[in-house]
Amino acid sequence: MLTGKKILVGVTGGIAAYKLPHFVRLLKKSGAQVQVICTQSALQFVTAETLSVVSENPTLVHFFDEKTGMWNHHVELGLWADAFIIAPCGSNTLAKMVHGECDNLLLTTYLSARCPVFIAPAMDLDMYQQPAVTENLATLAKRGVTIIDAEEGQLASGLIGKGRMAEPETLFSTLENFFAPPNTHFKGKNILVTAGPTFEAIDPVRFIGNQSSGKMGISLVEQLISLGANVTLVLGPSHVDVPQNCKLMRVTSAQEMMDACSSVFPNMDGLIMTAAVADYKPKDYHSFKIKKNEDDMVIELVKNPDILKTLSLNKKENQFCVGFALETNNIEEYAKKKLNEKNLDAIVLNTVSNQTGFQSNTNQVKIFGKNNQSLETAIQSKEEIAVIILETLNSWIFE
């Protein structure tokens, strides 16, 4: 669940700090990226060098790097992180968090953080029971900070009671549960996604194609993986970064995409076809570069296979198929026609503007379902659009 997640670990002064290298190791073993920030007093209980080794990053303590003079940018740290966990969190840091004090890098980063924040309090029994401490914990909880409650046991003072920092395994499982995919119908499903354009060769150096980047498809793949789906991605010519946790099949032409999809579709629970497949290809392929001889040149085109229609018309009862459409006129009419003619469960209609469409990082779509459902989004990032699409499909297809 934590693969690729960026976790900021804040360490404050307290005997429990000696447990933090083990916690960081658990995070790294899970595939998370880890950056550690320590207060000066934390270094009395654990070394910066140890935390640097296990995190594979320099341990940050001061606002400026003592060797290079470079600024440790607290705002960038707060923006970088997917989660910020402060462990152990002593009563001094706890109080400063409540009152907005920022006399060290850890606290300044906390005040800048936009990600979820977790704290694991640790202090002696009597301190943990003090009304000021309990009120501070309640205040942070009301502000949205997740409190990982202290455990009972023998404390550094020799007393036995509540105040021990939760064990590293508990800290780890708290983060893992937080990032666990929600219980959706996509969890455990085998989903085939197509993305990018197809290129149809004219000769060894020329082709017919389009400007599809594949970004929308990749956003859907990333979201499906986060929901626990097993994703097979058939990707046309594209330079987008591909998520690691998917099966990748690279293709160039529409026929290659057809062959790849046909080979795996029988074992899939569903197909989401975002690829912008070329409708036509040159009838004849020239094995040598065509020379420029005449003012005009005619290339005869023939139809490519309709991948989506072929697969959807032959889908099993327990399979679903979702298509994408990009139109410039009569857009809803054409999209709904494709929905019906291709036996789709839903179709996503892309809009074309200076903020949406090919190569753009944002999109705006209208989604139509086979049971006359419809939904229109605002212009949002393709990552946000992917979330909306899958939430909508989860409701419409599996209702």
Protein backbone atom coordinates (compact mmCIF):
# COMPACT_ATOMS: atom_id res chain seq x y z
CA MET A 1 0.00 0.00 0.00
CA LEU A 2 2.95 2.35 0.59
CA THR A 3 4.86 1.69 -2.62
CA GLY A 4 5.91 5.02 -4.06
CA LYS A 5 4.38 7.03 -1.21
CA LYS A 6 6.42 9.95 0.09
CA ILE A 7 6.58 9.82 3.87
CA LEU A 8 8.00 12.63 5.99
CA VAL A 9 9.11 11.36 9.42
CA GLY A 10 9.57 13.88 12.22
CA VAL A 11 11.56 12.78 15.27
CA THR A 12 11.52 14.73 18.54
CA GLY A 13 13.46 14.26 21.77
CA GLY A 14 12.46 11.22 23.81
CA ILE A 15 13.79 7.79 24.66
CA ALA A 16 11.41 6.22 22.12
CA ALA A 17 13.39 7.86 19.32
CA TYR A 18 15.70 4.84 19.36
CA LYS A 19 12.86 2.86 17.73
CA LEU A 20 12.64 5.13 14.70
CA PRO A 21 15.34 3.46 12.56
CA HIS A 22 13.27 0.27 12.67
CA PHE A 23 10.15 2.18 11.65
CA VAL A 24 12.00 3.83 8.76
CA ARG A 25 13.26 0.41 7.65
CA LEU A 26 9.69 -0.88 7.55
CA LEU A 27 8.69 2.07 5.36
CA LYS A 28 11.61 1.58 2.98
CA LYS A 29 10.99 -2.15 2.76
CA SER A 30 7.43 -1.41 1.67
CA GLY A 31 8.69 0.76 -1.20
CA ALA A 32 8.04 4.17 0.36
CA GLN A 33 10.28 7.20 -0.10
CA VAL A 34 11.33 8.57 3.30
CA GLN A 35 12.71 11.89 4.47
CA VAL A 36 13.53 12.32 8.16
CA ILE A 37 13.49 15.62 10.06
CA CYS A 38 14.87 15.67 13.61
CA THR A 39 14.78 18.25 16.35
CA GLN A 40 18.11 18.99 17.99
CA SER A 41 17.05 17.18 21.17
CA ALA A 42 16.14 14.04 19.17
CA LEU A 43 19.83 13.59 18.38
CA GLN A 44 20.47 12.86 22.06
CA PHE A 45 18.61 9.57 21.57
CA VAL A 46 19.26 8.57 17.94
CA THR A 47 21.97 9.65 15.51
CA ALA A 48 21.36 11.55 12.30
CA GLU A 49 23.78 9.18 10.57
CA THR A 50 21.71 6.11 11.47
CA LEU A 51 18.53 7.70 10.20
CA SER A 52 20.30 8.82 7.01
CA VAL A 53 21.49 5.29 6.30
CA VAL A 54 18.11 3.64 6.78
CA SER A 55 16.15 6.38 4.98
CA GLU A 56 18.70 6.71 2.16
CA ASN A 57 18.40 10.49 2.50
CA PRO A 58 20.28 13.09 4.57
CA THR A 59 18.65 13.65 7.96
CA LEU A 60 17.46 17.26 8.19
CA VAL A 61 17.87 19.15 11.46
CA HIS A 62 18.55 22.79 10.72
CA PHE A 63 17.01 25.39 8.43
CA PHE A 64 20.30 25.55 6.54
CA ASP A 65 22.68 22.73 5.63
CA GLU A 66 25.75 23.25 7.82
CA LYS A 67 28.12 22.03 5.08
CA THR A 68 26.71 23.66 1.94
CA GLY A 69 24.70 26.55 3.36
CA MET A 70 21.70 25.42 1.28
CA TRP A 71 18.24 26.16 2.67
CA ASN A 72 16.19 23.16 3.73
CA HIS A 73 12.96 24.43 2.21
CA HIS A 74 10.17 23.64 4.69
CA VAL A 75 7.42 24.58 2.23
CA GLU A 76 8.75 22.22 -0.42
CA LEU A 77 9.04 19.45 2.18
CA GLY A 78 5.42 19.96 3.16
CA LEU A 79 4.31 19.87 -0.47
CA TRP A 80 6.48 16.84 -1.28
CA ALA A 81 5.01 14.55 1.37
CA ASP A 82 1.98 12.29 1.01
CA ALA A 83 1.96 11.95 4.81
CA PHE A 84 3.83 13.47 7.76
CA ILE A 85 4.25 11.39 10.92
CA ILE A 86 5.85 12.80 14.06
CA ALA A 87 7.13 10.04 16.36
CA PRO A 88 7.83 10.24 19.16
CA CYS A 89 5.89 13.43 19.77
CA GLY A 90 6.75 14.82 23.21
CA SER A 91 4.64 17.26 25.23
CA ASN A 92 6.84 20.22 24.23
CA THR A 93 6.37 19.66 20.49
CA LEU A 94 2.71 18.85 21.05
CA ALA A 95 2.10 22.18 22.76
CA LYS A 96 3.98 24.10 20.08
CA MET A 97 1.94 22.43 17.35
CA VAL A 98 -1.27 23.55 19.07
CA HIS A 99 -0.10 27.15 19.43
CA GLY A 100 1.55 27.49 16.04
CA GLU A 101 5.09 27.98 17.30
CA CYS A 102 7.86 27.17 14.87
CA ASP A 103 11.30 27.48 16.40
CA ASN A 104 12.77 24.52 14.52
CA LEU A 105 12.60 22.94 11.06
CA LEU A 106 10.21 20.17 12.12
CA LEU A 107 7.57 22.56 13.45
CA THR A 108 7.92 24.96 10.53
CA THR A 109 7.40 22.07 8.14
CA TYR A 110 4.34 20.95 10.10
CA LEU A 111 2.79 24.39 9.76
CA SER A 112 3.46 24.30 6.00
CA ALA A 113 2.28 20.73 5.41
CA ARG A 114 -0.78 20.17 3.25
CA CYS A 115 -0.69 16.39 3.62
CA PRO A 116 -2.31 14.25 6.35
CA VAL A 117 -0.43 14.51 9.65
CA PHE A 118 -0.05 11.73 12.23
CA ILE A 119 1.51 11.98 15.69
CA ALA A 120 2.58 9.25 18.08
CA PRO A 121 2.76 10.84 21.55
CA ALA A 122 5.26 9.48 24.03
CA MET A 123 5.88 10.72 27.56
CA ASP A 124 5.80 9.62 31.16
CA LEU A 125 2.56 8.41 32.75
CA ASP A 126 1.92 11.54 34.82
CA MET A 127 2.65 13.85 31.91
CA TYR A 128 0.36 11.92 29.59
CA GLN A 129 -2.50 12.32 32.06
CA GLN A 130 -2.02 16.07 32.56
CA PRO A 131 -5.12 18.07 31.48
CA ALA A 132 -2.95 20.37 29.36
CA VAL A 133 -1.64 17.39 27.39
CA THR A 134 -5.03 15.73 26.97
CA GLU A 135 -6.52 19.05 25.85
CA ASN A 136 -3.71 19.59 23.35
CA LEU A 137 -4.23 16.12 21.91
CA ALA A 138 -7.98 16.76 21.61
CA THR A 139 -7.32 20.12 19.92
CA LEU A 140 -5.05 18.59 17.29
CA ALA A 141 -7.53 15.79 16.69
CA LYS A 142 -10.25 18.38 16.03
CA ARG A 143 -7.93 20.04 13.52
CA GLY A 144 -7.60 16.80 11.58
CA VAL A 145 -4.36 15.40 12.99
CA THR A 146 -4.49 11.63 13.49
CA ILE A 147 -3.41 10.62 17.00
CA ILE A 148 -1.75 7.21 17.25
CA ASP A 149 -2.51 6.59 20.90
CA ALA A 150 0.25 5.74 23.33
CA GLU A 151 0.43 2.21 24.69
CA GLU A 152 0.61 0.87 28.23
CA GLY A 153 3.72 -0.71 29.63
CA GLN A 154 6.91 -0.01 31.53
CA LEU A 155 8.11 3.55 31.04
CA ALA A 156 11.62 5.02 31.17
CA SER A 157 10.90 6.40 34.64
CA GLY A 158 10.20 2.89 35.92
CA LEU A 159 6.47 3.55 36.22
CA ILE A 160 4.05 1.23 34.54
CA GLY A 161 1.13 2.75 32.68
CA LYS A 162 0.10 4.57 29.54
CA GLY A 163 2.64 6.74 27.77
CA ARG A 164 4.83 4.41 25.69
CA MET A 165 5.04 5.36 22.04
CA ALA A 166 3.16 2.90 19.83
CA GLU A 167 5.49 0.28 18.43
CA PRO A 168 7.01 0.79 14.95
CA GLU A 169 4.78 -1.97 13.56
CA THR A 170 1.72 -0.07 14.82
CA LEU A 171 2.94 3.17 13.24
CA PHE A 172 3.55 1.33 9.99
CA SER A 173 0.15 -0.41 9.94
CA THR A 174 -1.57 2.92 10.68
CA LEU A 175 -0.06 4.45 7.55
CA GLU A 176 -0.66 1.29 5.54
CA ASN A 177 -4.33 1.26 6.53
CA PHE A 178 -4.65 4.95 5.71
CA PHE A 179 -3.39 4.40 2.17
CA ALA A 180 -5.23 1.11 1.66
CA PRO A 181 -7.59 1.29 -1.33
CA PRO A 182 -11.24 1.82 -0.51
CA ASN A 183 -13.53 -1.15 -0.79
CA THR A 184 -14.62 -0.72 -4.40
CA HIS A 185 -15.72 -3.18 -7.04
CA PHE A 186 -12.43 -2.65 -8.86
CA LYS A 187 -10.45 -4.27 -6.06
CA GLY A 188 -8.99 -7.55 -7.27
CA LYS A 189 -10.46 -7.12 -10.76
CA ASN A 190 -8.40 -7.66 -13.92
CA ILE A 191 -8.77 -4.49 -15.97
CA LEU A 192 -7.48 -3.89 -19.50
CA VAL A 193 -6.67 -0.26 -20.31
CA THR A 194 -5.53 1.10 -23.68
CA ALA A 195 -3.80 4.47 -23.99
CA GLY A 196 -1.94 6.70 -26.40
CA PRO A 197 -2.19 6.98 -30.19
CA THR A 198 -1.52 4.46 -32.92
CA PHE A 199 0.86 5.17 -35.79
CA GLU A 200 0.08 3.75 -39.23
CA ALA A 201 3.20 3.49 -41.38
CA ILE A 202 3.33 4.99 -44.88
CA ASP A 203 6.99 4.19 -45.43
CA PRO A 204 9.97 3.60 -43.10
CA VAL A 205 9.99 7.24 -41.93
CA ARG A 206 6.42 8.54 -42.30
CA PHE A 207 3.17 7.62 -40.62
CA ILE A 208 -0.43 8.65 -40.05
CA GLY A 209 -1.21 9.32 -36.40
CA ASN A 210 -2.53 11.82 -33.89
CA GLN A 211 -1.30 13.87 -30.96
CA SER A 212 -2.67 11.74 -28.12
CA SER A 213 -0.22 11.77 -25.20
CA GLY A 214 -1.65 8.85 -23.24
CA LYS A 215 -1.86 10.98 -20.07
CA MET A 216 -5.55 10.29 -19.43
CA GLY A 217 -5.04 6.55 -19.73
CA ILE A 218 -2.03 6.61 -17.41
CA SER A 219 -4.03 8.58 -14.82
CA LEU A 220 -6.72 5.90 -14.94
CA VAL A 221 -4.12 3.14 -14.60
CA GLU A 222 -2.59 4.82 -11.54
CA GLN A 223 -6.00 5.23 -9.91
CA LEU A 224 -7.04 1.65 -10.71
CA ILE A 225 -3.84 0.35 -9.11
CA SER A 226 -4.54 2.45 -6.01
CA LEU A 227 -8.00 0.84 -5.87
CA GLY A 228 -6.44 -2.63 -5.84
CA ALA A 229 -7.09 -3.61 -9.47
CA ASN A 230 -4.73 -5.76 -11.54
CA VAL A 231 -4.09 -3.63 -14.62
CA THR A 232 -2.86 -4.61 -18.07
CA LEU A 233 -1.91 -1.55 -20.12
CA VAL A 234 -1.72 -1.68 -23.92
CA LEU A 235 0.15 1.50 -24.80
CA GLY A 236 0.63 3.04 -28.23
CA PRO A 237 3.64 5.25 -29.09
CA SER A 238 3.98 7.55 -26.10
CA HIS A 239 6.62 9.06 -23.84
CA VAL A 240 4.54 9.07 -20.65
CA ASP A 241 5.92 7.45 -17.51
CA VAL A 242 4.28 4.09 -16.93
CA PRO A 243 3.37 2.93 -13.38
CA GLN A 244 5.48 0.00 -12.23
CA ASN A 245 2.64 -2.10 -10.86
CA CYS A 246 0.95 -2.90 -14.15
CA LYS A 247 1.54 -5.34 -16.98
CA LEU A 248 2.70 -3.32 -20.01
CA MET A 249 2.22 -4.27 -23.65
CA ARG A 250 3.68 -1.72 -26.08
CA VAL A 251 2.29 -1.50 -29.60
CA THR A 252 2.53 0.85 -32.57
CA SER A 253 -0.29 0.24 -35.04
CA ALA A 254 -4.02 -0.34 -34.65
CA GLN A 255 -3.63 -3.94 -35.76
CA GLU A 256 -0.95 -4.53 -33.15
CA MET A 257 -3.24 -3.02 -30.52
CA MET A 258 -6.08 -5.21 -31.75
CA ASP A 259 -3.91 -8.33 -31.50
CA ALA A 260 -2.64 -7.43 -28.02
CA CYS A 261 -6.11 -6.65 -26.66
CA SER A 262 -7.66 -9.76 -28.20
CA SER A 263 -5.00 -11.97 -26.62
CA VAL A 264 -5.78 -10.85 -23.06
CA PHE A 265 -9.40 -9.63 -23.10
CA PRO A 266 -10.96 -13.11 -22.49
CA ASN A 267 -9.25 -13.15 -19.08
CA MET A 268 -10.26 -9.61 -18.15
CA ASP A 269 -13.15 -8.37 -16.04
CA GLY A 270 -13.33 -5.15 -17.97
CA LEU A 271 -11.91 -2.90 -20.66
CA ILE A 272 -11.41 0.87 -20.48
CA MET A 273 -10.28 2.04 -23.90
CA THR A 274 -8.81 5.54 -23.81
CA ALA A 275 -6.49 5.01 -26.80
CA ALA A 276 -6.97 7.30 -29.79
CA VAL A 277 -6.81 4.60 -32.45
CA ALA A 278 -6.30 5.72 -36.04
CA ASP A 279 -9.48 4.99 -37.99
CA TYR A 280 -7.60 4.45 -41.25
CA LYS A 281 -4.23 3.23 -42.45
CA PRO A 282 -2.45 3.41 -45.82
CA LYS A 283 -3.58 0.64 -48.14
CA ASP A 284 -0.03 0.06 -49.33
CA TYR A 285 3.14 0.24 -47.27
CA HIS A 286 6.26 1.36 -49.13
CA SER A 287 9.38 -0.42 -47.93
CA PHE A 288 11.51 2.53 -49.06
CA LYS A 289 11.18 6.24 -48.43
CA ILE A 290 8.84 7.82 -50.97
CA LYS A 291 10.69 10.50 -52.91
CA LYS A 292 9.26 13.95 -53.49
CA ASN A 293 8.59 13.94 -57.23
CA GLU A 294 5.20 15.52 -57.86
CA ASP A 295 3.36 18.52 -56.44
CA ASP A 296 0.54 16.24 -55.31
CA MET A 297 0.58 12.79 -53.82
CA VAL A 298 -2.41 10.55 -53.20
CA ILE A 299 -2.35 7.94 -50.44
CA GLU A 300 -5.22 5.46 -50.52
CA LEU A 301 -6.51 4.61 -47.06
CA VAL A 302 -8.38 1.59 -45.75
CA LYS A 303 -10.26 1.12 -42.49
CA ASN A 304 -8.55 -0.15 -39.41
CA PRO A 305 -10.28 -2.74 -37.22
CA ASP A 306 -12.69 -1.28 -34.67
CA ILE A 307 -11.04 -2.71 -31.57
CA LEU A 308 -13.59 -1.51 -29.03
CA LYS A 309 -16.60 -2.64 -31.05
CA THR A 310 -15.08 -6.04 -31.82
CA LEU A 311 -14.30 -6.76 -28.18
CA SER A 312 -17.46 -5.29 -26.71
CA LEU A 313 -19.83 -7.12 -29.07
CA ASN A 314 -18.19 -10.36 -27.95
CA LYS A 315 -17.91 -9.62 -24.24
CA LYS A 316 -19.12 -12.12 -21.67
CA GLU A 317 -21.98 -11.40 -19.32
CA ASN A 318 -19.60 -10.61 -16.45
CA GLN A 319 -17.39 -8.27 -18.49
CA PHE A 320 -17.78 -4.53 -18.96
CA CYS A 321 -16.50 -2.23 -21.70
CA VAL A 322 -16.00 1.52 -21.49
CA GLY A 323 -15.05 3.68 -24.44
CA PHE A 324 -13.75 7.20 -24.95
CA ALA A 325 -14.82 9.63 -27.64
CA LEU A 326 -13.45 12.93 -28.85
CA GLU A 327 -15.79 14.95 -31.04
CA THR A 328 -15.82 18.51 -32.37
CA ASN A 329 -19.47 18.81 -33.45
CA ASN A 330 -22.76 17.14 -32.49
CA ILE A 331 -20.68 15.79 -29.66
CA GLU A 332 -23.36 14.26 -27.44
CA GLU A 333 -25.25 12.77 -30.38
CA TYR A 334 -22.14 11.03 -31.73
CA ALA A 335 -21.03 9.85 -28.30
CA LYS A 336 -24.41 8.29 -27.50
CA LYS A 337 -24.48 6.66 -30.94
CA LYS A 338 -21.13 4.99 -30.19
CA LEU A 339 -22.41 3.94 -26.78
CA ASN A 340 -25.29 2.03 -28.34
CA GLU A 341 -23.70 0.73 -31.54
CA LYS A 342 -20.65 -0.63 -29.74
CA ASN A 343 -22.59 -2.28 -26.91
CA LEU A 344 -20.77 -0.25 -24.26
CA ASP A 345 -21.57 0.05 -20.59
CA ALA A 346 -20.44 3.68 -20.59
CA ILE A 347 -18.67 6.18 -22.78
CA VAL A 348 -16.52 9.15 -21.75
CA LEU A 349 -16.80 12.15 -24.04
CA ASN A 350 -13.71 14.36 -24.14
CA THR A 351 -14.09 18.04 -24.89
CA VAL A 352 -11.62 19.99 -26.99
CA SER A 353 -10.42 23.44 -25.92
CA ASN A 354 -7.20 25.27 -25.16
CA GLN A 355 -7.28 23.65 -21.68
CA THR A 356 -8.38 20.14 -22.60
CA GLY A 357 -7.73 17.39 -25.13
CA PHE A 358 -4.48 15.95 -26.50
CA GLN A 359 -1.22 16.84 -24.68
CA SER A 360 -3.08 18.82 -22.01
CA ASN A 361 -2.69 18.11 -18.29
CA THR A 362 -6.32 19.01 -17.69
CA ASN A 363 -9.56 17.67 -19.08
CA GLN A 364 -13.31 18.08 -19.01
CA VAL A 365 -15.57 15.15 -19.79
CA LYS A 366 -19.17 14.06 -20.03
CA ILE A 367 -19.90 10.48 -19.04
CA PHE A 368 -22.90 8.61 -20.44
CA GLY A 369 -24.14 5.25 -19.15
CA LYS A 370 -26.12 2.57 -20.94
CA ASN A 371 -29.10 3.17 -18.63
CA ASN A 372 -29.43 6.83 -19.63
CA GLN A 373 -27.16 8.08 -16.86
CA SER A 374 -25.04 11.16 -17.46
CA LEU A 375 -22.49 13.23 -15.57
CA GLU A 376 -20.45 16.28 -16.57
CA THR A 377 -17.25 17.41 -14.88
CA ALA A 378 -15.60 20.79 -14.60
CA ILE A 379 -12.13 21.39 -16.05
CA GLN A 380 -9.81 19.54 -13.69
CA SER A 381 -6.49 17.74 -13.73
CA LYS A 382 -6.50 14.42 -15.51
CA GLU A 383 -5.71 12.74 -12.19
CA GLU A 384 -8.87 14.25 -10.68
CA ILE A 385 -10.89 13.33 -13.77
CA ALA A 386 -9.67 9.72 -13.45
CA VAL A 387 -10.99 9.58 -9.88
CA ILE A 388 -14.40 10.91 -10.98
CA ILE A 389 -14.60 8.48 -13.91
CA LEU A 390 -13.86 5.43 -11.77
CA GLU A 391 -16.18 6.52 -8.96
CA THR A 392 -18.93 6.96 -11.56
CA LEU A 393 -18.27 3.61 -13.21
CA ASN A 394 -18.15 1.92 -9.83
CA SER A 395 -21.65 3.23 -9.14
CA TRP A 396 -23.20 2.73 -12.58
CA ILE A 397 -21.75 -0.59 -13.70
CA PHE A 398 -21.80 -2.48 -10.41
CA GLU A 399 -24.94 -1.03 -8.86
